[in-house]
C-alpha atoms as a PDB file:
ATOM      1  CA  MET A   1      91.716 113.897  44.940  1.00  0.00           C
ATOM      2  CA  ALA A   2      90.354 113.683  48.455  1.00  0.00           C
ATOM      3  CA  LEU A   3      88.422 116.912  47.895  1.00  0.00           C
ATOM      4  CA  GLY A   4      86.855 115.517  44.717  1.00  0.00           C
ATOM      5  CA  ILE A   5      85.740 112.350  46.530  1.00  0.00           C
ATOM      6  CA  LYS A   6      84.295 114.451  49.344  1.00  0.00           C
ATOM      7  CA  MET A   7      82.389 116.671  46.882  1.00  0.00           C
ATOM      8  CA  ARG A   8      80.923 113.669  45.049  1.00  0.00           C
ATOM      9  CA  ARG A   9      79.819 112.150  48.362  1.00  0.00           C
ATOM     10  CA  GLN A  10      78.154 115.425  49.403  1.00  0.00           C
ATOM     11  CA  ALA A  11      76.354 115.693  46.057  1.00  0.00           C
ATOM     12  CA  LYS A  12      74.984 112.149  46.418  1.00  0.00           C
ATOM     13  CA  GLN A  13      73.813 112.914  49.949  1.00  0.00           C
ATOM     14  CA  LEU A  14      72.098 116.104  48.768  1.00  0.00           C
ATOM     15  CA  CYS A  15      70.201 114.324  45.975  1.00  0.00           C
ATOM     16  CA  ALA A  16      69.135 111.581  48.374  1.00  0.00           C
ATOM     17  CA  ALA A  17      67.936 114.151  50.887  1.00  0.00           C
ATOM     18  CA  VAL A  18      65.954 116.030  48.249  1.00  0.00           C
ATOM     19  CA  ILE A  19      64.245 112.867  46.999  1.00  0.00           C
ATOM     20  CA  GLY A  20      63.499 111.699  50.534  1.00  0.00           C
ATOM     21  CA  THR A  21      62.103 115.070  51.543  1.00  0.00           C
ATOM     22  CA  SER A  22      59.903 115.359  48.463  1.00  0.00           C
ATOM     23  CA  ALA A  23      58.377 111.940  49.129  1.00  0.00           C
ATOM     24  CA  LEU A  24      57.243 113.122  52.568  1.00  0.00           C
ATOM     25  CA  LEU A  25      55.649 116.368  51.439  1.00  0.00           C
ATOM     26  CA  PRO A  26      51.928 116.785  52.128  1.00  0.00           C
ATOM     27  CA  LEU A  27      49.530 116.858  49.194  1.00  0.00           C
ATOM     28  CA  ALA A  28      48.735 120.488  49.950  1.00  0.00           C
ATOM     29  CA  VAL A  29      52.102 121.472  48.507  1.00  0.00           C
ATOM     30  CA  GLN A  30      51.097 120.005  45.143  1.00  0.00           C
ATOM     31  CA  ALA A  31      48.679 122.796  44.377  1.00  0.00           C
ATOM     32  CA  GLU A  32      50.536 124.263  41.358  1.00  0.00           C
ATOM     33  CA  ASP A  33      52.398 122.777  38.410  1.00  0.00           C
ATOM     34  CA  ILE A  34      56.163 123.236  38.310  1.00  0.00           C
ATOM     35  CA  ASP A  35      57.336 125.686  35.644  1.00  0.00           C
ATOM     36  CA  THR A  36      60.784 124.530  34.474  1.00  0.00           C
ATOM     37  CA  GLU A  37      61.736 127.645  32.507  1.00  0.00           C
ATOM     38  CA  HIS A  38      63.996 129.087  35.226  1.00  0.00           C
ATOM     39  CA  ILE A  39      64.352 126.519  38.030  1.00  0.00           C
ATOM     40  CA  PHE A  40      67.685 125.101  36.810  1.00  0.00           C
ATOM     41  CA  GLY A  41      71.032 126.877  37.022  1.00  0.00           C
ATOM     42  CA  PHE A  42      73.298 125.796  34.169  1.00  0.00           C
ATOM     43  CA  MET A  43      70.660 123.653  32.460  1.00  0.00           C
ATOM     44  CA  ILE A  44      67.374 124.631  30.809  1.00  0.00           C
ATOM     45  CA  GLY A  45      63.869 123.188  31.074  1.00  0.00           C
ATOM     46  CA  SER A  46      61.299 122.710  28.316  1.00  0.00           C
ATOM     47  CA  ASP A  47      58.928 125.487  29.453  1.00  0.00           C
ATOM     48  CA  VAL A  48      59.261 128.809  27.600  1.00  0.00           C
ATOM     49  CA  GLY A  49      56.671 131.041  29.276  1.00  0.00           C
ATOM     50  CA  ASP A  50      53.191 132.257  28.365  1.00  0.00           C
ATOM     51  CA  PRO A  51      52.366 134.406  25.305  1.00  0.00           C
ATOM     52  CA  GLY A  52      52.777 138.108  26.037  1.00  0.00           C
ATOM     53  CA  GLU A  53      55.167 137.486  28.948  1.00  0.00           C
ATOM     54  CA  ARG A  54      58.094 139.881  29.382  1.00  0.00           C
ATOM     55  CA  GLU A  55      61.000 139.425  31.785  1.00  0.00           C
ATOM     56  CA  PHE A  56      64.235 141.127  32.771  1.00  0.00           C
ATOM     57  CA  GLN A  57      66.968 138.819  34.007  1.00  0.00           C
ATOM     58  CA  SER A  58      70.384 139.314  35.582  1.00  0.00           C
ATOM     59  CA  GLN A  59      72.674 136.287  35.300  1.00  0.00           C
ATOM     60  CA  THR A  60      76.033 136.250  37.096  1.00  0.00           C
ATOM     61  CA  THR A  61      78.391 133.354  36.380  1.00  0.00           C
ATOM     62  CA  GLY A  62      81.741 132.703  38.061  1.00  0.00           C
ATOM     63  CA  HIS A  63      84.596 130.455  36.908  1.00  0.00           C
ATOM     64  CA  PHE A  64      87.334 129.743  39.436  1.00  0.00           C
ATOM     65  CA  ALA A  65      90.684 127.862  39.590  1.00  0.00           C
ATOM     66  CA  LYS A  66      92.850 126.605  36.745  1.00  0.00           C
ATOM     67  CA  ASN A  67      95.992 124.475  36.758  1.00  0.00           C
ATOM     68  CA  GLY A  68      98.099 126.767  38.916  1.00  0.00           C
ATOM     69  CA  GLY A  69      98.263 130.428  39.881  1.00  0.00           C
ATOM     70  CA  THR A  70      95.143 132.516  40.466  1.00  0.00           C
ATOM     71  CA  TYR A  71      92.179 132.377  38.127  1.00  0.00           C
ATOM     72  CA  ARG A  72      88.873 134.180  38.583  1.00  0.00           C
ATOM     73  CA  ALA A  73      86.447 135.105  35.802  1.00  0.00           C
ATOM     74  CA  LEU A  74      83.082 136.748  36.424  1.00  0.00           C
ATOM     75  CA  ASN A  75      80.465 137.026  33.684  1.00  0.00           C
ATOM     76  CA  GLN A  76      77.545 139.472  34.125  1.00  0.00           C
ATOM     77  CA  GLU A  77      74.744 139.055  31.591  1.00  0.00           C
ATOM     78  CA  LEU A  78      71.720 141.370  31.360  1.00  0.00           C
ATOM     79  CA  GLU A  79      68.821 139.830  29.457  1.00  0.00           C
ATOM     80  CA  LEU A  80      65.416 140.799  28.096  1.00  0.00           C
ATOM     81  CA  GLU A  81      63.063 137.869  27.479  1.00  0.00           C
ATOM     82  CA  LEU A  82      59.911 138.009  25.330  1.00  0.00           C
ATOM     83  CA  VAL A  83      57.263 135.389  24.477  1.00  0.00           C
ATOM     84  CA  PRO A  84      55.541 136.785  21.338  1.00  0.00           C
ATOM     85  CA  VAL A  85      53.588 133.638  20.385  1.00  0.00           C
ATOM     86  CA  PRO A  86      52.772 130.301  22.053  1.00  0.00           C
ATOM     87  CA  ASN A  87      55.728 127.913  22.527  1.00  0.00           C
ATOM     88  CA  PHE A  88      58.354 130.425  21.320  1.00  0.00           C
ATOM     89  CA  ARG A  89      60.697 132.556  23.407  1.00  0.00           C
ATOM     90  CA  ALA A  90      63.281 135.132  22.303  1.00  0.00           C
ATOM     91  CA  GLU A  91      65.987 136.650  24.474  1.00  0.00           C
ATOM     92  CA  LEU A  92      68.386 139.549  23.820  1.00  0.00           C
ATOM     93  CA  ALA A  93      71.431 139.927  26.080  1.00  0.00           C
ATOM     94  CA  THR A  94      74.574 141.942  26.622  1.00  0.00           C
ATOM     95  CA  THR A  95      77.515 140.751  28.701  1.00  0.00           C
ATOM     96  CA  PHE A  96      80.300 142.246  30.814  1.00  0.00           C
ATOM     97  CA  MET A  97      83.372 140.336  32.032  1.00  0.00           C
ATOM     98  CA  ALA A  98      85.773 140.735  34.950  1.00  0.00           C
ATOM     99  CA  HIS A  99      89.032 138.745  35.010  1.00  0.00           C
ATOM    100  CA  ASP A 100      91.741 138.254  37.626  1.00  0.00           C
ATOM    101  CA  ILE A 101      94.470 136.021  36.150  1.00  0.00           C
ATOM    102  CA  ASN A 102      97.920 135.687  37.686  1.00  0.00           C
ATOM    103  CA  GLY A 103     100.532 132.966  37.202  1.00  0.00           C
ATOM    104  CA  VAL A 104      98.296 130.535  35.261  1.00  0.00           C
ATOM    105  CA  PRO A 105     100.372 128.442  32.794  1.00  0.00           C
ATOM    106  CA  GLY A 106      99.607 129.417  29.199  1.00  0.00           C
ATOM    107  CA  PHE A 107      97.682 132.571  30.185  1.00  0.00           C
ATOM    108  CA  ASP A 108      98.805 136.211  30.217  1.00  0.00           C
ATOM    109  CA  ASP A 109      98.420 137.931  33.580  1.00  0.00           C
ATOM    110  CA  ARG A 110      95.365 140.192  33.436  1.00  0.00           C
ATOM    111  CA  ARG A 111      93.145 142.151  35.784  1.00  0.00           C
ATOM    112  CA  GLN A 112      90.440 143.872  33.797  1.00  0.00           C
ATOM    113  CA  LEU A 113      86.772 144.735  33.463  1.00  0.00           C
ATOM    114  CA  SER A 114      85.351 144.889  29.950  1.00  0.00           C
ATOM    115  CA  TRP A 115      82.242 144.747  27.812  1.00  0.00           C
ATOM    116  CA  GLN A 116      82.297 141.308  26.249  1.00  0.00           C
ATOM    117  CA  GLY A 117      79.561 141.199  23.630  1.00  0.00           C
ATOM    118  CA  VAL A 118      75.945 140.436  22.737  1.00  0.00           C
ATOM    119  CA  ALA A 119      73.823 137.298  22.429  1.00  0.00           C
ATOM    120  CA  LEU A 120      70.517 136.128  20.989  1.00  0.00           C
ATOM    121  CA  ASP A 121      68.734 133.100  22.480  1.00  0.00           C
ATOM    122  CA  LEU A 122      65.785 131.513  20.637  1.00  0.00           C
ATOM    123  CA  ARG A 123      63.739 128.608  22.037  1.00  0.00           C
ATOM    124  CA  TYR A 124      60.834 126.640  20.609  1.00  0.00           C
ATOM    125  CA  ARG A 125      58.851 124.052  22.552  1.00  0.00           C
ATOM    126  CA  PHE A 126      57.875 121.086  20.386  1.00  0.00           C
ATOM    127  CA  LEU A 127      56.272 118.984  23.134  1.00  0.00           C
ATOM    128  CA  ALA A 128      54.477 120.026  26.315  1.00  0.00           C
ATOM    129  CA  ARG A 129      54.453 117.764  29.371  1.00  0.00           C
ATOM    130  CA  GLU A 130      50.694 118.291  29.772  1.00  0.00           C
ATOM    131  CA  SER A 131      49.907 116.713  26.390  1.00  0.00           C
ATOM    132  CA  GLY A 132      52.789 114.275  25.931  1.00  0.00           C
ATOM    133  CA  PRO A 133      55.024 111.819  27.778  1.00  0.00           C
ATOM    134  CA  PHE A 134      57.616 114.564  28.369  1.00  0.00           C
ATOM    135  CA  GLY A 135      58.412 118.145  27.466  1.00  0.00           C
ATOM    136  CA  MET A 136      60.889 118.918  24.673  1.00  0.00           C
ATOM    137  CA  THR A 137      62.385 122.246  23.626  1.00  0.00           C
ATOM    138  CA  VAL A 138      65.091 123.135  21.111  1.00  0.00           C
ATOM    139  CA  ALA A 139      67.237 126.188  21.896  1.00  0.00           C
ATOM    140  CA  MET A 140      69.783 128.118  19.834  1.00  0.00           C
ATOM    141  CA  GLU A 141      71.949 130.751  21.531  1.00  0.00           C
ATOM    142  CA  THR A 142      74.223 132.772  19.237  1.00  0.00           C
ATOM    143  CA  HIS A 143      76.841 135.165  20.621  1.00  0.00           C
ATOM    144  CA  ALA A 144      79.408 137.622  19.252  1.00  0.00           C
ATOM    145  CA  ASP A 145      82.258 138.570  21.606  1.00  0.00           C
ATOM    146  CA  ARG A 146      85.132 141.057  21.578  1.00  0.00           C
ATOM    147  CA  VAL A 147      86.818 139.596  24.679  1.00  0.00           C
ATOM    148  CA  ASP A 148      87.620 135.919  25.147  1.00  0.00           C
ATOM    149  CA  GLU A 149      85.589 134.462  28.005  1.00  0.00           C
ATOM    150  CA  THR A 150      88.454 132.315  29.293  1.00  0.00           C
ATOM    151  CA  THR A 151      91.706 134.193  28.603  1.00  0.00           C
ATOM    152  CA  ALA A 152      90.389 137.807  28.558  1.00  0.00           C
ATOM    153  CA  ALA A 153      92.332 138.428  25.324  1.00  0.00           C
ATOM    154  CA  VAL A 154      90.943 140.821  22.698  1.00  0.00           C
ATOM    155  CA  VAL A 155      89.312 138.694  19.994  1.00  0.00           C
ATOM    156  CA  ARG A 156      86.594 138.491  17.394  1.00  0.00           C
ATOM    157  CA  SER A 157      84.639 135.433  18.449  1.00  0.00           C
ATOM    158  CA  TYR A 158      81.387 133.934  17.183  1.00  0.00           C
ATOM    159  CA  GLY A 159      79.638 130.851  18.469  1.00  0.00           C
ATOM    160  CA  THR A 160      76.276 129.134  18.689  1.00  0.00           C
ATOM    161  CA  GLU A 161      75.122 126.697  21.354  1.00  0.00           C
ATOM    162  CA  PHE A 162      72.453 124.236  20.222  1.00  0.00           C
ATOM    163  CA  THR A 163      70.558 122.529  23.053  1.00  0.00           C
ATOM    164  CA  VAL A 164      67.785 119.946  23.142  1.00  0.00           C
ATOM    165  CA  ALA A 165      66.027 119.920  26.522  1.00  0.00           C
ATOM    166  CA  PHE A 166      63.730 117.207  27.876  1.00  0.00           C
ATOM    167  CA  ASP A 167      61.899 117.158  31.210  1.00  0.00           C
ATOM    168  CA  ARG A 168      59.312 115.013  32.953  1.00  0.00           C
ATOM    169  CA  GLU A 169      57.629 115.047  36.348  1.00  0.00           C
ATOM    170  CA  VAL A 170      58.904 112.239  38.573  1.00  0.00           C
ATOM    171  CA  ILE A 171      56.343 112.992  41.290  1.00  0.00           C
ATOM    172  CA  PRO A 172      53.420 115.094  39.964  1.00  0.00           C
ATOM    173  CA  ASN A 173      53.765 118.743  41.027  1.00  0.00           C
ATOM    174  CA  VAL A 174      56.561 117.851  43.461  1.00  0.00           C
ATOM    175  CA  ALA A 175      59.692 116.553  41.669  1.00  0.00           C
ATOM    176  CA  ILE A 176      60.852 116.970  38.092  1.00  0.00           C
ATOM    177  CA  ALA A 177      63.828 115.579  36.162  1.00  0.00           C
ATOM    178  CA  ALA A 178      65.476 117.187  33.128  1.00  0.00           C
ATOM    179  CA  PHE A 179      67.999 116.084  30.516  1.00  0.00           C
ATOM    180  CA  ASN A 180      69.990 118.337  28.140  1.00  0.00           C
ATOM    181  CA  LEU A 181      72.115 117.570  25.080  1.00  0.00           C
ATOM    182  CA  SER A 182      74.266 120.361  23.655  1.00  0.00           C
ATOM    183  CA  TYR A 183      76.694 121.168  20.848  1.00  0.00           C
ATOM    184  CA  GLU A 184      78.610 124.468  20.755  1.00  0.00           C
ATOM    185  CA  PRO A 185      80.920 125.313  17.826  1.00  0.00           C
ATOM    186  CA  GLU A 186      83.005 128.496  18.091  1.00  0.00           C
ATOM    187  CA  TRP A 187      85.180 130.543  15.730  1.00  0.00           C
ATOM    188  CA  THR A 188      87.813 132.888  17.207  1.00  0.00           C
ATOM    189  CA  ARG A 189      90.311 135.304  15.682  1.00  0.00           C
ATOM    190  CA  LEU A 190      92.967 136.878  17.923  1.00  0.00           C
ATOM    191  CA  ALA A 191      93.152 140.633  17.384  1.00  0.00           C
ATOM    192  CA  LEU A 192      96.853 140.850  18.306  1.00  0.00           C
ATOM    193  CA  THR A 193      98.229 138.176  15.947  1.00  0.00           C
ATOM    194  CA  GLY A 194      95.379 137.564  13.505  1.00  0.00           C
ATOM    195  CA  ALA A 195      95.551 133.824  14.211  1.00  0.00           C
ATOM    196  CA  ALA A 196      92.270 131.954  13.747  1.00  0.00           C
ATOM    197  CA  GLU A 197      91.022 129.100  15.933  1.00  0.00           C
ATOM    198  CA  GLN A 198      88.055 126.757  15.873  1.00  0.00           C
ATOM    199  CA  ASP A 199      86.787 124.509  18.637  1.00  0.00           C
ATOM    200  CA  ALA A 200      83.615 122.748  19.728  1.00  0.00           C
ATOM    201  CA  THR A 201      82.139 121.446  22.959  1.00  0.00           C
ATOM    202  CA  ILE A 202      79.507 118.751  23.285  1.00  0.00           C
ATOM    203  CA  GLY A 203      77.692 118.039  26.518  1.00  0.00           C
ATOM    204  CA  ALA A 204      75.069 116.023  28.347  1.00  0.00           C
ATOM    205  CA  ALA A 205      73.433 117.048  31.615  1.00  0.00           C
ATOM    206  CA  PHE A 206      70.926 115.638  34.085  1.00  0.00           C
ATOM    207  CA  GLY A 207      69.074 117.648  36.708  1.00  0.00           C
ATOM    208  CA  LEU A 208      66.563 116.861  39.439  1.00  0.00           C
ATOM    209  CA  MET A 209      64.544 119.461  41.344  1.00  0.00           C
ATOM    210  CA  ALA A 210      61.986 118.892  44.118  1.00  0.00           C
ATOM    211  CA  ARG A 211      59.557 121.249  45.828  1.00  0.00           C
ATOM    212  CA  VAL A 212      60.254 121.435  49.556  1.00  0.00           C
ATOM    213  CA  ARG A 213      57.947 124.410  50.068  1.00  0.00           C
ATOM    214  CA  PRO A 214      55.400 126.044  47.743  1.00  0.00           C
ATOM    215  CA  ASP A 215      57.971 128.725  46.855  1.00  0.00           C
ATOM    216  CA  ILE A 216      61.247 126.757  47.138  1.00  0.00           C
ATOM    217  CA  LEU A 217      62.752 123.962  45.024  1.00  0.00           C
ATOM    218  CA  LEU A 218      66.023 122.182  45.806  1.00  0.00           C
ATOM    219  CA  GLY A 219      68.008 119.698  43.765  1.00  0.00           C
ATOM    220  CA  GLY A 220      71.178 119.246  41.791  1.00  0.00           C
ATOM    221  CA  GLU A 221      72.767 119.060  38.348  1.00  0.00           C
ATOM    222  CA  VAL A 222      75.304 116.660  36.849  1.00  0.00           C
ATOM    223  CA  ARG A 223      76.987 117.859  33.632  1.00  0.00           C
ATOM    224  CA  TYR A 224      79.502 116.126  31.359  1.00  0.00           C
ATOM    225  CA  PHE A 225      81.477 117.924  28.626  1.00  0.00           C
ATOM    226  CA  ARG A 226      83.939 116.944  25.902  1.00  0.00           C
ATOM    227  CA  LYS A 227      85.990 119.620  24.130  1.00  0.00           C
ATOM    228  CA  TYR A 228      87.507 119.291  20.661  1.00  0.00           C
ATOM    229  CA  ASP A 229      89.789 121.282  18.392  1.00  0.00           C
ATOM    230  CA  GLY A 230      87.819 122.058  15.225  1.00  0.00           C
ATOM    231  CA  ILE A 231      84.062 122.513  14.886  1.00  0.00           C
ATOM    232  CA  GLY A 232      83.735 119.040  13.348  1.00  0.00           C
ATOM    233  CA  LEU A 233      85.053 117.346  16.532  1.00  0.00           C
ATOM    234  CA  ASP A 234      88.386 116.860  14.755  1.00  0.00           C
ATOM    235  CA  ALA A 235      90.763 116.319  17.691  1.00  0.00           C
ATOM    236  CA  PHE A 236      89.844 115.475  21.276  1.00  0.00           C
ATOM    237  CA  ALA A 237      91.166 118.076  23.743  1.00  0.00           C
ATOM    238  CA  GLY A 238      89.676 117.132  27.111  1.00  0.00           C
ATOM    239  CA  GLN A 239      86.632 116.189  29.169  1.00  0.00           C
ATOM    240  CA  ALA A 240      85.127 117.050  32.539  1.00  0.00           C
ATOM    241  CA  LEU A 241      82.276 116.033  34.844  1.00  0.00           C
ATOM    242  CA  PHE A 242      80.665 118.717  37.022  1.00  0.00           C
ATOM    243  CA  VAL A 243      78.404 117.994  40.018  1.00  0.00           C
ATOM    244  CA  GLY A 244      76.650 120.410  42.329  1.00  0.00           C
ATOM    245  CA  PRO A 245      73.474 121.622  44.069  1.00  0.00           C
ATOM    246  CA  THR A 246      70.829 124.028  42.743  1.00  0.00           C
ATOM    247  CA  ALA A 247      68.205 126.059  44.625  1.00  0.00           C
ATOM    248  CA  TYR A 248      65.230 128.008  43.263  1.00  0.00           C
ATOM    249  CA  PHE A 249      63.291 130.638  45.236  1.00  0.00           C
ATOM    250  CA  GLN A 250      60.039 132.286  44.134  1.00  0.00           C
ATOM    251  CA  LEU A 251      60.574 135.622  45.896  1.00  0.00           C
ATOM    252  CA  SER A 252      57.214 137.107  44.941  1.00  0.00           C
ATOM    253  CA  GLU A 253      54.533 136.737  42.313  1.00  0.00           C
ATOM    254  CA  ARG A 254      56.797 138.517  39.797  1.00  0.00           C
ATOM    255  CA  SER A 255      60.375 137.874  40.981  1.00  0.00           C
ATOM    256  CA  ARG A 256      62.580 134.800  41.381  1.00  0.00           C
ATOM    257  CA  LEU A 257      66.116 133.748  42.263  1.00  0.00           C
ATOM    258  CA  THR A 258      68.140 130.688  41.205  1.00  0.00           C
ATOM    259  CA  ALA A 259      71.517 129.771  42.723  1.00  0.00           C
ATOM    260  CA  THR A 260      73.777 126.907  41.651  1.00  0.00           C
ATOM    261  CA  TRP A 261      77.346 125.747  42.171  1.00  0.00           C
ATOM    262  CA  SER A 262      79.320 122.969  40.469  1.00  0.00           C
ATOM    263  CA  VAL A 263      82.699 121.409  41.116  1.00  0.00           C
ATOM    264  CA  GLN A 264      84.719 119.439  38.605  1.00  0.00           C
ATOM    265  CA  ALA A 265      84.559 116.010  40.197  1.00  0.00           C
ATOM    266  CA  TRP A 266      86.435 114.237  37.407  1.00  0.00           C
ATOM    267  CA  GLY A 267      88.182 115.166  34.191  1.00  0.00           C
ATOM    268  CA  LYS A 268      90.986 114.316  31.807  1.00  0.00           C
ATOM    269  CA  GLN A 269      92.996 116.431  29.398  1.00  0.00           C
ATOM    270  CA  ALA A 270      94.155 114.751  26.199  1.00  0.00           C
ATOM    271  CA  GLY A 271      97.643 113.331  26.714  1.00  0.00           C
ATOM    272  CA  SER A 272      97.573 113.822  30.495  1.00  0.00           C
ATOM    273  CA  ASN A 273      97.216 111.376  33.382  1.00  0.00           C
ATOM    274  CA  ALA A 274      95.821 114.000  35.774  1.00  0.00           C
ATOM    275  CA  ALA A 275      92.474 113.252  37.436  1.00  0.00           C
ATOM    276  CA  LEU A 276      91.076 116.671  36.395  1.00  0.00           C
ATOM    277  CA  ASP A 277      91.155 118.782  33.230  1.00  0.00           C
ATOM    278  CA  LEU A 278      92.024 122.267  34.477  1.00  0.00           C
ATOM    279  CA  VAL A 279      93.301 123.447  31.095  1.00  0.00           C
ATOM    280  CA  ASN A 280      90.043 123.300  29.124  1.00  0.00           C
ATOM    281  CA  PHE A 281      87.725 123.666  32.143  1.00  0.00           C
ATOM    282  CA  GLU A 282      87.693 125.250  35.592  1.00  0.00           C
ATOM    283  CA  ARG A 283      87.649 123.605  39.012  1.00  0.00           C
ATOM    284  CA  HIS A 284      84.565 125.496  40.197  1.00  0.00           C
ATOM    285  CA  GLN A 285      81.605 127.123  38.441  1.00  0.00           C
ATOM    286  CA  ALA A 286      78.808 129.086  40.101  1.00  0.00           C
ATOM    287  CA  ARG A 287      75.757 130.988  38.881  1.00  0.00           C
ATOM    288  CA  LEU A 288      73.212 133.379  40.405  1.00  0.00           C
ATOM    289  CA  VAL A 289      70.123 134.343  38.380  1.00  0.00           C
ATOM    290  CA  PHE A 290      67.586 137.002  39.366  1.00  0.00           C
ATOM    291  CA  GLY A 291      64.519 137.617  37.215  1.00  0.00           C
ATOM    292  CA  VAL A 292      61.440 139.811  37.318  1.00  0.00           C
ATOM    293  CA  ASN A 293      58.287 139.942  35.173  1.00  0.00           C
ATOM    294  CA  PHE A 294      57.006 143.306  34.038  1.00  0.00           C
END
């Protein structure tokens, strides 16, 4: 509990520092518009890239700590992004998973490395910030997995995450705020028993990024999730609030790096009085994204 309070206090201090720093930046730093396509960690912006653009991206995501025992899950996604026409982006990806699970209630002990599956991410920008009050993009990411992301069990799993992303410049060319709404239904069949499961997660997220140097943006993300049994939100299972900092670095004209970390600051499992939900969600989440244009 004390750790959660400390983390929330640090997140508030970070956001305040970012806003205060951005307000003091000289006008010379405002030379270029902020491209929101890749500056966030777990969230997405409304920008989708320029027609003809091609990118390779490596995205590493870590999930750490459950309700007891040892829990570590590492997701490595390799992605190819293409922008064939204005306002539309397509992405093909393949994913590998590494799990280290020992003594976690309700989980089998596992230590394994496996190929998880494939994914297709499609995004279309309906509104551009330059011509409207804000930017708006709709994204649909569909995945097919042979290994469960959380338990590492052998499965046949299919899911689609629908996201609506909004963003708007708070300080022109210096600070930008983004808001995401998401819905992710998932169908899973266990290979060992043949049992079928359905669940869904809905979420809302807010992010703020500010340019502290021409090639560096700092900020943070606040994300809230509710998980349900059944794709129609049939039975409430749990909820969690994640808070953490994000940093974006433009390494060169063609390469970039985004790093983010989130801690579950508050949560509640259905039927439990605990201050966190460590059954449906993890205590810590982290992500490192490297991308290069070619």
